[in-house]
Amino acid sequence: MKKKGVDEFPFCVHLVSWEKENVSSEALEAARIACNKYMTKTAGKDAFHLRVRVHPFHVLRINKMLSCAGADRLQTGMRGAFGKPQGVCARVAIGQVLLSVRCKDNNSTHAQEALRRAKFKFPGRQKIIVSRKWGFTKFNRADYVRLKQDQRIVPDGVNAKVSVVVLHKF
């Protein structure tokens, strides 16, 4: 369930691209479905949060060529070769995160296996990297626990902010 707070899921694992490439929207959707299906089956529907970290905004175009007899009279070759939209893809750099899963520590092996299965839906090479951060936040796990004890963490949905002013209980 997406509405779980920042404290619910401390473990986070990422699927990171190890090549510069185009990832199609179909590949992203297939990987999302594979990861979601495995995590739902093993951990449960409300036991994880999956985030797709890249967005397919780049439009792929195709200049269709005829290959039948007499096609040379119908076509103009490369004159005016701006094609029609064929699909969309995400431009991915080396080291860019494709998918992220946050869950509880007891489901960590399930999350890694889910991303391993999702890895087969993408072209190129990917690596599964276990994060040292607390969930989707930017804080290390030890720092998050310390800030939480000092009451300096302000929950912000699935993320958290650090309060500059220390909150006192009177």
N, C-alpha and C. Protein backbone atom coordinates (compact mmCIF):
# COMPACT_ATOMS: atom_id res chain seq x y z
N MET A 1 0.85 -1.18 0.00
CA MET A 1 0.00 0.00 0.00
C MET A 1 0.89 1.24 0.00
N LYS A 2 0.58 2.18 -0.85
CA LYS A 2 1.42 3.35 -1.03
C LYS A 2 1.36 4.31 0.15
N LYS A 3 0.32 4.26 0.93
CA LYS A 3 0.11 5.24 1.98
C LYS A 3 0.81 4.90 3.29
N LYS A 4 1.61 3.84 3.33
CA LYS A 4 2.35 3.53 4.55
C LYS A 4 3.36 4.64 4.81
N GLY A 5 3.58 4.93 6.07
CA GLY A 5 4.47 6.02 6.44
C GLY A 5 5.93 5.68 6.24
N VAL A 6 6.76 6.64 6.55
CA VAL A 6 8.20 6.50 6.34
C VAL A 6 8.79 5.49 7.32
N ASP A 7 8.17 5.31 8.49
CA ASP A 7 8.69 4.40 9.50
C ASP A 7 8.38 2.94 9.21
N GLU A 8 7.41 2.67 8.34
CA GLU A 8 6.93 1.31 8.13
C GLU A 8 7.94 0.41 7.43
N PHE A 9 8.63 0.93 6.40
CA PHE A 9 9.50 0.10 5.56
C PHE A 9 10.93 0.64 5.58
N PRO A 10 11.79 0.12 6.45
CA PRO A 10 13.16 0.65 6.54
C PRO A 10 14.11 0.13 5.48
N PHE A 11 13.86 -1.06 4.93
CA PHE A 11 14.79 -1.68 3.98
C PHE A 11 14.50 -1.16 2.57
N CYS A 12 15.55 -0.89 1.79
CA CYS A 12 15.39 -0.41 0.42
C CYS A 12 16.43 -1.06 -0.48
N VAL A 13 15.99 -1.48 -1.67
CA VAL A 13 16.89 -2.10 -2.65
C VAL A 13 16.57 -1.49 -4.02
N HIS A 14 17.62 -1.27 -4.84
CA HIS A 14 17.48 -0.61 -6.13
C HIS A 14 17.94 -1.53 -7.25
N LEU A 15 17.32 -1.39 -8.42
CA LEU A 15 17.79 -2.00 -9.66
C LEU A 15 18.43 -0.87 -10.47
N VAL A 16 19.75 -0.97 -10.69
CA VAL A 16 20.53 0.11 -11.29
C VAL A 16 21.01 -0.30 -12.67
N SER A 17 20.83 0.57 -13.65
CA SER A 17 21.30 0.30 -15.01
C SER A 17 22.81 0.45 -15.07
N TRP A 18 23.46 -0.46 -15.78
CA TRP A 18 24.92 -0.43 -15.91
C TRP A 18 25.33 -0.13 -17.34
N GLU A 19 24.37 0.38 -18.16
CA GLU A 19 24.65 0.76 -19.54
C GLU A 19 23.86 2.01 -19.88
N LYS A 20 24.37 2.77 -20.84
CA LYS A 20 23.64 3.92 -21.38
C LYS A 20 22.77 3.39 -22.51
N GLU A 21 21.45 3.52 -22.38
CA GLU A 21 20.55 2.88 -23.34
C GLU A 21 19.17 3.52 -23.30
N ASN A 22 18.34 3.08 -24.23
CA ASN A 22 16.92 3.42 -24.25
C ASN A 22 16.15 2.25 -23.66
N VAL A 23 15.28 2.51 -22.70
CA VAL A 23 14.44 1.47 -22.12
C VAL A 23 13.00 1.79 -22.52
N SER A 24 12.37 0.88 -23.24
CA SER A 24 11.02 1.13 -23.75
C SER A 24 9.99 1.11 -22.62
N SER A 25 8.87 1.76 -22.89
CA SER A 25 7.79 1.78 -21.91
C SER A 25 7.25 0.37 -21.68
N GLU A 26 7.29 -0.47 -22.72
CA GLU A 26 6.83 -1.85 -22.59
C GLU A 26 7.73 -2.64 -21.64
N ALA A 27 9.05 -2.41 -21.73
CA ALA A 27 9.99 -3.09 -20.84
C ALA A 27 9.80 -2.63 -19.39
N LEU A 28 9.58 -1.34 -19.19
CA LEU A 28 9.33 -0.82 -17.84
C LEU A 28 8.07 -1.43 -17.24
N GLU A 29 7.03 -1.52 -18.05
CA GLU A 29 5.76 -2.08 -17.57
C GLU A 29 5.90 -3.57 -17.27
N ALA A 30 6.61 -4.31 -18.12
CA ALA A 30 6.82 -5.74 -17.88
C ALA A 30 7.62 -5.97 -16.61
N ALA A 31 8.64 -5.15 -16.37
CA ALA A 31 9.44 -5.29 -15.15
C ALA A 31 8.62 -4.94 -13.92
N ARG A 32 7.80 -3.91 -14.02
CA ARG A 32 6.94 -3.53 -12.89
C ARG A 32 5.97 -4.65 -12.54
N ILE A 33 5.38 -5.26 -13.57
CA ILE A 33 4.42 -6.35 -13.34
C ILE A 33 5.12 -7.56 -12.72
N ALA A 34 6.31 -7.91 -13.23
CA ALA A 34 7.03 -9.07 -12.71
C ALA A 34 7.42 -8.86 -11.25
N CYS A 35 7.92 -7.68 -10.93
CA CYS A 35 8.34 -7.38 -9.56
C CYS A 35 7.13 -7.35 -8.62
N ASN A 36 6.07 -6.69 -9.05
CA ASN A 36 4.86 -6.58 -8.24
C ASN A 36 4.22 -7.94 -8.00
N LYS A 37 4.20 -8.79 -9.02
CA LYS A 37 3.59 -10.11 -8.90
C LYS A 37 4.34 -10.97 -7.88
N TYR A 38 5.67 -10.96 -7.96
CA TYR A 38 6.46 -11.78 -7.04
C TYR A 38 6.34 -11.27 -5.60
N MET A 39 6.42 -9.95 -5.43
CA MET A 39 6.34 -9.39 -4.08
C MET A 39 4.95 -9.60 -3.47
N THR A 40 3.90 -9.49 -4.27
CA THR A 40 2.55 -9.72 -3.77
C THR A 40 2.37 -11.17 -3.36
N LYS A 41 2.94 -12.09 -4.14
CA LYS A 41 2.79 -13.52 -3.86
C LYS A 41 3.57 -13.93 -2.61
N THR A 42 4.77 -13.40 -2.42
CA THR A 42 5.63 -13.86 -1.33
C THR A 42 5.49 -13.02 -0.06
N ALA A 43 5.50 -11.71 -0.20
CA ALA A 43 5.49 -10.84 0.99
C ALA A 43 4.08 -10.40 1.38
N GLY A 44 3.21 -10.27 0.41
CA GLY A 44 1.86 -9.77 0.69
C GLY A 44 1.63 -8.44 0.00
N LYS A 45 0.35 -8.13 -0.19
CA LYS A 45 -0.01 -6.95 -0.96
C LYS A 45 0.39 -5.64 -0.27
N ASP A 46 0.31 -5.61 1.04
CA ASP A 46 0.58 -4.38 1.79
C ASP A 46 1.95 -4.39 2.46
N ALA A 47 2.86 -5.25 2.01
CA ALA A 47 4.14 -5.42 2.70
C ALA A 47 5.31 -4.76 1.98
N PHE A 48 5.04 -3.98 0.93
CA PHE A 48 6.13 -3.36 0.19
C PHE A 48 5.63 -2.12 -0.53
N HIS A 49 6.57 -1.36 -1.06
CA HIS A 49 6.26 -0.19 -1.88
C HIS A 49 7.24 -0.20 -3.04
N LEU A 50 6.73 -0.30 -4.25
CA LEU A 50 7.55 -0.35 -5.47
C LEU A 50 7.48 1.01 -6.16
N ARG A 51 8.63 1.51 -6.57
CA ARG A 51 8.68 2.81 -7.25
C ARG A 51 9.45 2.66 -8.55
N VAL A 52 8.83 3.05 -9.67
CA VAL A 52 9.51 3.09 -10.97
C VAL A 52 10.18 4.46 -11.06
N ARG A 53 11.51 4.47 -11.19
CA ARG A 53 12.26 5.71 -11.04
C ARG A 53 12.58 6.42 -12.36
N VAL A 54 12.29 5.80 -13.51
CA VAL A 54 12.52 6.46 -14.79
C VAL A 54 11.18 6.60 -15.51
N HIS A 55 11.09 7.62 -16.36
CA HIS A 55 9.84 7.90 -17.05
C HIS A 55 10.09 7.95 -18.56
N PRO A 56 9.25 7.28 -19.34
CA PRO A 56 9.46 7.25 -20.80
C PRO A 56 8.88 8.48 -21.48
N PHE A 57 9.70 9.52 -21.64
CA PHE A 57 9.27 10.75 -22.30
C PHE A 57 9.81 10.87 -23.72
N HIS A 58 10.81 10.09 -24.07
CA HIS A 58 11.46 10.20 -25.37
C HIS A 58 10.63 9.45 -26.42
N VAL A 59 10.22 10.15 -27.48
CA VAL A 59 9.37 9.55 -28.52
C VAL A 59 10.25 8.91 -29.59
N LEU A 60 9.97 7.64 -29.88
CA LEU A 60 10.67 6.93 -30.95
C LEU A 60 9.86 7.07 -32.23
N ARG A 61 10.53 7.34 -33.35
CA ARG A 61 9.84 7.54 -34.62
C ARG A 61 10.34 6.54 -35.65
N ILE A 62 9.50 6.25 -36.65
CA ILE A 62 9.87 5.32 -37.71
C ILE A 62 9.47 5.91 -39.06
N ASN A 63 10.38 5.83 -40.02
CA ASN A 63 10.10 6.24 -41.39
C ASN A 63 9.86 4.96 -42.19
N LYS A 64 8.59 4.59 -42.33
CA LYS A 64 8.27 3.32 -42.98
C LYS A 64 8.60 3.38 -44.46
N MET A 65 9.25 2.32 -44.93
CA MET A 65 9.61 2.21 -46.34
C MET A 65 8.83 1.05 -46.95
N LEU A 66 8.37 1.25 -48.18
CA LEU A 66 7.68 0.18 -48.89
C LEU A 66 8.70 -0.75 -49.52
N SER A 67 8.37 -2.04 -49.57
CA SER A 67 9.31 -3.00 -50.17
C SER A 67 8.65 -3.79 -51.30
N CYS A 68 7.53 -3.28 -51.81
CA CYS A 68 6.85 -4.00 -52.88
C CYS A 68 7.33 -3.49 -54.26
N ALA A 69 6.84 -4.12 -55.29
CA ALA A 69 7.23 -3.72 -56.65
C ALA A 69 6.64 -2.35 -56.97
N GLY A 70 7.44 -1.50 -57.59
CA GLY A 70 7.00 -0.16 -57.95
C GLY A 70 7.04 0.81 -56.79
N ALA A 71 7.71 0.44 -55.70
CA ALA A 71 7.76 1.31 -54.53
C ALA A 71 8.58 2.57 -54.81
N ASP A 72 9.52 2.48 -55.76
CA ASP A 72 10.37 3.63 -56.05
C ASP A 72 9.56 4.79 -56.64
N ARG A 73 8.41 4.50 -57.28
CA ARG A 73 7.59 5.57 -57.82
C ARG A 73 6.73 6.22 -56.75
N LEU A 74 6.45 5.47 -55.65
CA LEU A 74 5.58 5.98 -54.60
C LEU A 74 6.33 6.74 -53.51
N GLN A 75 7.61 6.40 -53.34
CA GLN A 75 8.36 6.98 -52.23
C GLN A 75 9.39 7.98 -52.70
N THR A 76 9.82 8.80 -51.72
CA THR A 76 10.84 9.80 -52.03
C THR A 76 12.15 9.50 -51.30
N GLY A 77 12.31 8.32 -50.74
CA GLY A 77 13.56 7.95 -50.07
C GLY A 77 13.76 8.71 -48.78
N MET A 78 14.93 9.34 -48.66
CA MET A 78 15.26 10.05 -47.42
C MET A 78 14.83 11.52 -47.46
N ARG A 79 14.13 11.93 -48.50
CA ARG A 79 13.61 13.29 -48.55
C ARG A 79 12.40 13.38 -47.62
N GLY A 80 12.42 14.30 -46.69
CA GLY A 80 11.31 14.42 -45.73
C GLY A 80 11.17 13.17 -44.88
N ALA A 81 12.26 12.73 -44.28
CA ALA A 81 12.28 11.43 -43.61
C ALA A 81 11.85 11.48 -42.14
N PHE A 82 11.25 12.57 -41.70
CA PHE A 82 10.79 12.64 -40.31
C PHE A 82 9.65 11.65 -40.14
N GLY A 83 9.85 10.68 -39.26
CA GLY A 83 8.92 9.56 -39.16
C GLY A 83 7.71 9.82 -38.29
N LYS A 84 6.86 8.81 -38.23
CA LYS A 84 5.67 8.84 -37.38
C LYS A 84 6.02 8.24 -36.02
N PRO A 85 5.37 8.68 -34.95
CA PRO A 85 5.66 8.12 -33.62
C PRO A 85 5.36 6.63 -33.57
N GLN A 86 6.31 5.87 -33.02
CA GLN A 86 6.15 4.42 -32.91
C GLN A 86 5.97 3.99 -31.46
N GLY A 87 6.59 4.69 -30.53
CA GLY A 87 6.50 4.36 -29.12
C GLY A 87 7.29 5.36 -28.30
N VAL A 88 7.35 5.14 -27.00
CA VAL A 88 8.12 6.01 -26.12
C VAL A 88 9.11 5.18 -25.33
N CYS A 89 10.20 5.83 -24.93
CA CYS A 89 11.22 5.14 -24.15
C CYS A 89 11.82 6.12 -23.15
N ALA A 90 12.53 5.56 -22.19
CA ALA A 90 13.26 6.36 -21.20
C ALA A 90 14.74 6.32 -21.56
N ARG A 91 15.39 7.47 -21.58
CA ARG A 91 16.84 7.54 -21.82
C ARG A 91 17.52 7.31 -20.47
N VAL A 92 18.31 6.24 -20.39
CA VAL A 92 18.89 5.82 -19.12
C VAL A 92 20.41 5.95 -19.18
N ALA A 93 20.99 6.51 -18.14
CA ALA A 93 22.44 6.67 -18.04
C ALA A 93 23.04 5.55 -17.19
N ILE A 94 24.35 5.45 -17.20
CA ILE A 94 25.05 4.46 -16.38
C ILE A 94 24.91 4.87 -14.92
N GLY A 95 24.51 3.93 -14.08
CA GLY A 95 24.34 4.20 -12.66
C GLY A 95 23.00 4.79 -12.28
N GLN A 96 22.08 4.88 -13.22
CA GLN A 96 20.76 5.44 -12.93
C GLN A 96 19.84 4.34 -12.39
N VAL A 97 19.06 4.67 -11.37
CA VAL A 97 18.17 3.71 -10.73
C VAL A 97 16.92 3.54 -11.60
N LEU A 98 16.58 2.29 -11.91
CA LEU A 98 15.38 1.99 -12.70
C LEU A 98 14.18 1.73 -11.80
N LEU A 99 14.33 0.82 -10.84
CA LEU A 99 13.26 0.45 -9.92
C LEU A 99 13.79 0.49 -8.49
N SER A 100 12.92 0.82 -7.55
CA SER A 100 13.26 0.75 -6.13
C SER A 100 12.12 0.07 -5.39
N VAL A 101 12.49 -0.76 -4.42
CA VAL A 101 11.50 -1.44 -3.57
C VAL A 101 11.88 -1.16 -2.13
N ARG A 102 10.90 -0.72 -1.33
CA ARG A 102 11.13 -0.60 0.10
C ARG A 102 10.19 -1.55 0.81
N CYS A 103 10.69 -2.17 1.89
CA CYS A 103 9.91 -3.16 2.63
C CYS A 103 10.50 -3.30 4.02
N LYS A 104 9.96 -4.23 4.79
CA LYS A 104 10.52 -4.52 6.10
C LYS A 104 11.74 -5.42 5.94
N ASP A 105 12.57 -5.46 6.98
CA ASP A 105 13.82 -6.22 6.91
C ASP A 105 13.60 -7.71 6.69
N ASN A 106 12.50 -8.26 7.20
CA ASN A 106 12.27 -9.69 7.04
C ASN A 106 11.89 -10.07 5.61
N ASN A 107 11.52 -9.10 4.77
CA ASN A 107 11.19 -9.36 3.37
C ASN A 107 12.31 -8.94 2.43
N SER A 108 13.51 -8.73 2.95
CA SER A 108 14.61 -8.22 2.13
C SER A 108 15.01 -9.21 1.03
N THR A 109 15.03 -10.50 1.34
CA THR A 109 15.40 -11.49 0.31
C THR A 109 14.35 -11.56 -0.78
N HIS A 110 13.08 -11.38 -0.41
CA HIS A 110 12.01 -11.38 -1.42
C HIS A 110 12.14 -10.19 -2.36
N ALA A 111 12.49 -9.03 -1.81
CA ALA A 111 12.64 -7.83 -2.64
C ALA A 111 13.80 -7.98 -3.61
N GLN A 112 14.90 -8.57 -3.16
CA GLN A 112 16.05 -8.78 -4.04
C GLN A 112 15.72 -9.78 -5.14
N GLU A 113 14.97 -10.83 -4.81
CA GLU A 113 14.58 -11.82 -5.81
C GLU A 113 13.59 -11.20 -6.81
N ALA A 114 12.70 -10.34 -6.34
CA ALA A 114 11.75 -9.68 -7.24
C ALA A 114 12.48 -8.80 -8.25
N LEU A 115 13.50 -8.08 -7.81
CA LEU A 115 14.26 -7.24 -8.74
C LEU A 115 15.12 -8.10 -9.67
N ARG A 116 15.58 -9.25 -9.19
CA ARG A 116 16.33 -10.16 -10.07
C ARG A 116 15.44 -10.65 -11.21
N ARG A 117 14.17 -10.93 -10.90
CA ARG A 117 13.24 -11.36 -11.94
C ARG A 117 12.88 -10.22 -12.88
N ALA A 118 12.79 -9.01 -12.35
CA ALA A 118 12.48 -7.84 -13.18
C ALA A 118 13.65 -7.50 -14.09
N LYS A 119 14.86 -7.88 -13.68
CA LYS A 119 16.07 -7.58 -14.45
C LYS A 119 16.03 -8.21 -15.84
N PHE A 120 15.37 -9.36 -15.97
CA PHE A 120 15.31 -10.06 -17.25
C PHE A 120 14.41 -9.36 -18.28
N LYS A 121 13.64 -8.39 -17.85
CA LYS A 121 12.74 -7.67 -18.76
C LYS A 121 13.44 -6.50 -19.45
N PHE A 122 14.64 -6.15 -18.99
CA PHE A 122 15.36 -5.01 -19.54
C PHE A 122 16.48 -5.47 -20.46
N PRO A 123 16.81 -4.66 -21.47
CA PRO A 123 18.01 -4.94 -22.26
C PRO A 123 19.25 -4.50 -21.49
N GLY A 124 20.40 -5.01 -21.88
CA GLY A 124 21.65 -4.56 -21.27
C GLY A 124 21.90 -5.18 -19.91
N ARG A 125 22.80 -4.53 -19.16
CA ARG A 125 23.20 -5.03 -17.85
C ARG A 125 22.64 -4.16 -16.74
N GLN A 126 22.21 -4.80 -15.67
CA GLN A 126 21.74 -4.10 -14.49
C GLN A 126 22.36 -4.76 -13.26
N LYS A 127 22.40 -4.00 -12.17
CA LYS A 127 22.87 -4.53 -10.90
C LYS A 127 21.82 -4.26 -9.84
N ILE A 128 21.74 -5.18 -8.88
CA ILE A 128 20.85 -5.01 -7.74
C ILE A 128 21.70 -4.50 -6.58
N ILE A 129 21.35 -3.34 -6.07
CA ILE A 129 22.14 -2.70 -5.02
C ILE A 129 21.26 -2.49 -3.79
N VAL A 130 21.72 -3.04 -2.66
CA VAL A 130 21.02 -2.85 -1.39
C VAL A 130 21.44 -1.50 -0.83
N SER A 131 20.46 -0.68 -0.54
CA SER A 131 20.72 0.69 -0.09
C SER A 131 21.07 0.71 1.40
N ARG A 132 21.92 1.66 1.77
CA ARG A 132 22.24 1.88 3.18
C ARG A 132 21.31 2.93 3.80
N LYS A 133 20.39 3.43 3.00
CA LYS A 133 19.48 4.48 3.46
C LYS A 133 18.25 3.87 4.12
N TRP A 134 17.50 4.69 4.82
CA TRP A 134 16.26 4.27 5.45
C TRP A 134 15.13 4.45 4.44
N GLY A 135 14.62 3.36 3.89
CA GLY A 135 13.54 3.42 2.91
C GLY A 135 13.90 4.27 1.71
N PHE A 136 13.00 5.17 1.32
CA PHE A 136 13.23 6.06 0.19
C PHE A 136 13.85 7.39 0.62
N THR A 137 14.25 7.52 1.89
CA THR A 137 14.79 8.79 2.37
C THR A 137 16.25 8.95 1.98
N LYS A 138 16.81 10.12 2.30
CA LYS A 138 18.22 10.38 2.01
C LYS A 138 19.10 10.15 3.24
N PHE A 139 18.52 9.66 4.33
CA PHE A 139 19.25 9.48 5.58
C PHE A 139 19.75 8.04 5.72
N ASN A 140 20.98 7.88 6.23
CA ASN A 140 21.48 6.55 6.56
C ASN A 140 20.63 5.98 7.69
N ARG A 141 20.64 4.64 7.80
CA ARG A 141 19.78 4.00 8.79
C ARG A 141 20.12 4.43 10.22
N ALA A 142 21.40 4.47 10.54
CA ALA A 142 21.81 4.87 11.90
C ALA A 142 21.45 6.33 12.17
N ASP A 143 21.65 7.19 11.17
CA ASP A 143 21.32 8.60 11.34
C ASP A 143 19.81 8.79 11.53
N TYR A 144 19.01 8.02 10.79
CA TYR A 144 17.56 8.14 10.89
C TYR A 144 17.09 7.75 12.30
N VAL A 145 17.63 6.64 12.82
CA VAL A 145 17.25 6.20 14.17
C VAL A 145 17.65 7.25 15.21
N ARG A 146 18.85 7.81 15.06
CA ARG A 146 19.32 8.83 16.00
C ARG A 146 18.44 10.09 15.92
N LEU A 147 18.14 10.54 14.71
CA LEU A 147 17.28 11.72 14.54
C LEU A 147 15.87 11.47 15.05
N LYS A 148 15.39 10.25 14.89
CA LYS A 148 14.05 9.89 15.38
C LYS A 148 14.01 9.94 16.91
N GLN A 149 15.09 9.45 17.55
CA GLN A 149 15.15 9.50 19.02
C GLN A 149 15.25 10.93 19.52
N ASP A 150 15.94 11.78 18.76
CA ASP A 150 16.05 13.19 19.13
C ASP A 150 14.82 14.00 18.74
N GLN A 151 13.82 13.35 18.16
CA GLN A 151 12.57 13.96 17.70
C GLN A 151 12.80 15.07 16.69
N ARG A 152 13.76 14.85 15.79
CA ARG A 152 14.06 15.84 14.75
C ARG A 152 13.52 15.42 13.39
N ILE A 153 12.96 14.21 13.27
CA ILE A 153 12.39 13.73 12.01
C ILE A 153 10.94 14.19 11.90
N VAL A 154 10.62 14.81 10.78
CA VAL A 154 9.25 15.20 10.49
C VAL A 154 8.77 14.33 9.33
N PRO A 155 7.81 13.42 9.54
CA PRO A 155 7.34 12.57 8.45
C PRO A 155 6.69 13.40 7.34
N ASP A 156 6.97 13.01 6.10
CA ASP A 156 6.44 13.71 4.93
C ASP A 156 6.00 12.66 3.91
N GLY A 157 4.94 11.92 4.24
CA GLY A 157 4.47 10.84 3.36
C GLY A 157 5.42 9.66 3.41
N VAL A 158 5.95 9.26 2.24
CA VAL A 158 6.91 8.16 2.19
C VAL A 158 8.33 8.65 2.41
N ASN A 159 8.49 9.94 2.63
CA ASN A 159 9.80 10.53 2.86
C ASN A 159 9.81 11.19 4.23
N ALA A 160 10.91 11.86 4.58
CA ALA A 160 11.02 12.53 5.87
C ALA A 160 11.90 13.76 5.73
N LYS A 161 11.66 14.73 6.59
CA LYS A 161 12.47 15.94 6.64
C LYS A 161 13.06 16.07 8.04
N VAL A 162 14.13 16.84 8.14
CA VAL A 162 14.75 17.09 9.43
C VAL A 162 14.28 18.44 9.93
N SER A 163 13.78 18.45 11.15
CA SER A 163 13.34 19.69 11.77
C SER A 163 14.55 20.43 12.31
N VAL A 164 14.62 21.72 12.03
CA VAL A 164 15.72 22.54 12.54
C VAL A 164 15.51 22.80 14.03
N VAL A 165 14.26 23.02 14.41
CA VAL A 165 13.91 23.28 15.80
C VAL A 165 13.60 21.94 16.47
N VAL A 166 14.19 21.70 17.63
CA VAL A 166 13.92 20.47 18.37
C VAL A 166 12.56 20.59 19.03
N LEU A 167 11.71 19.59 18.79
CA LEU A 167 10.38 19.59 19.39
C LEU A 167 10.46 19.08 20.82
N HIS A 168 9.89 19.84 21.76
CA HIS A 168 9.91 19.44 23.17
C HIS A 168 8.51 19.02 23.59
N LYS A 169 8.45 18.00 24.41
CA LYS A 169 7.17 17.59 24.99
C LYS A 169 7.09 18.18 26.39
N PHE A 170 6.07 18.99 26.64
CA PHE A 170 5.90 19.61 27.95
C PHE A 170 4.81 18.91 28.71
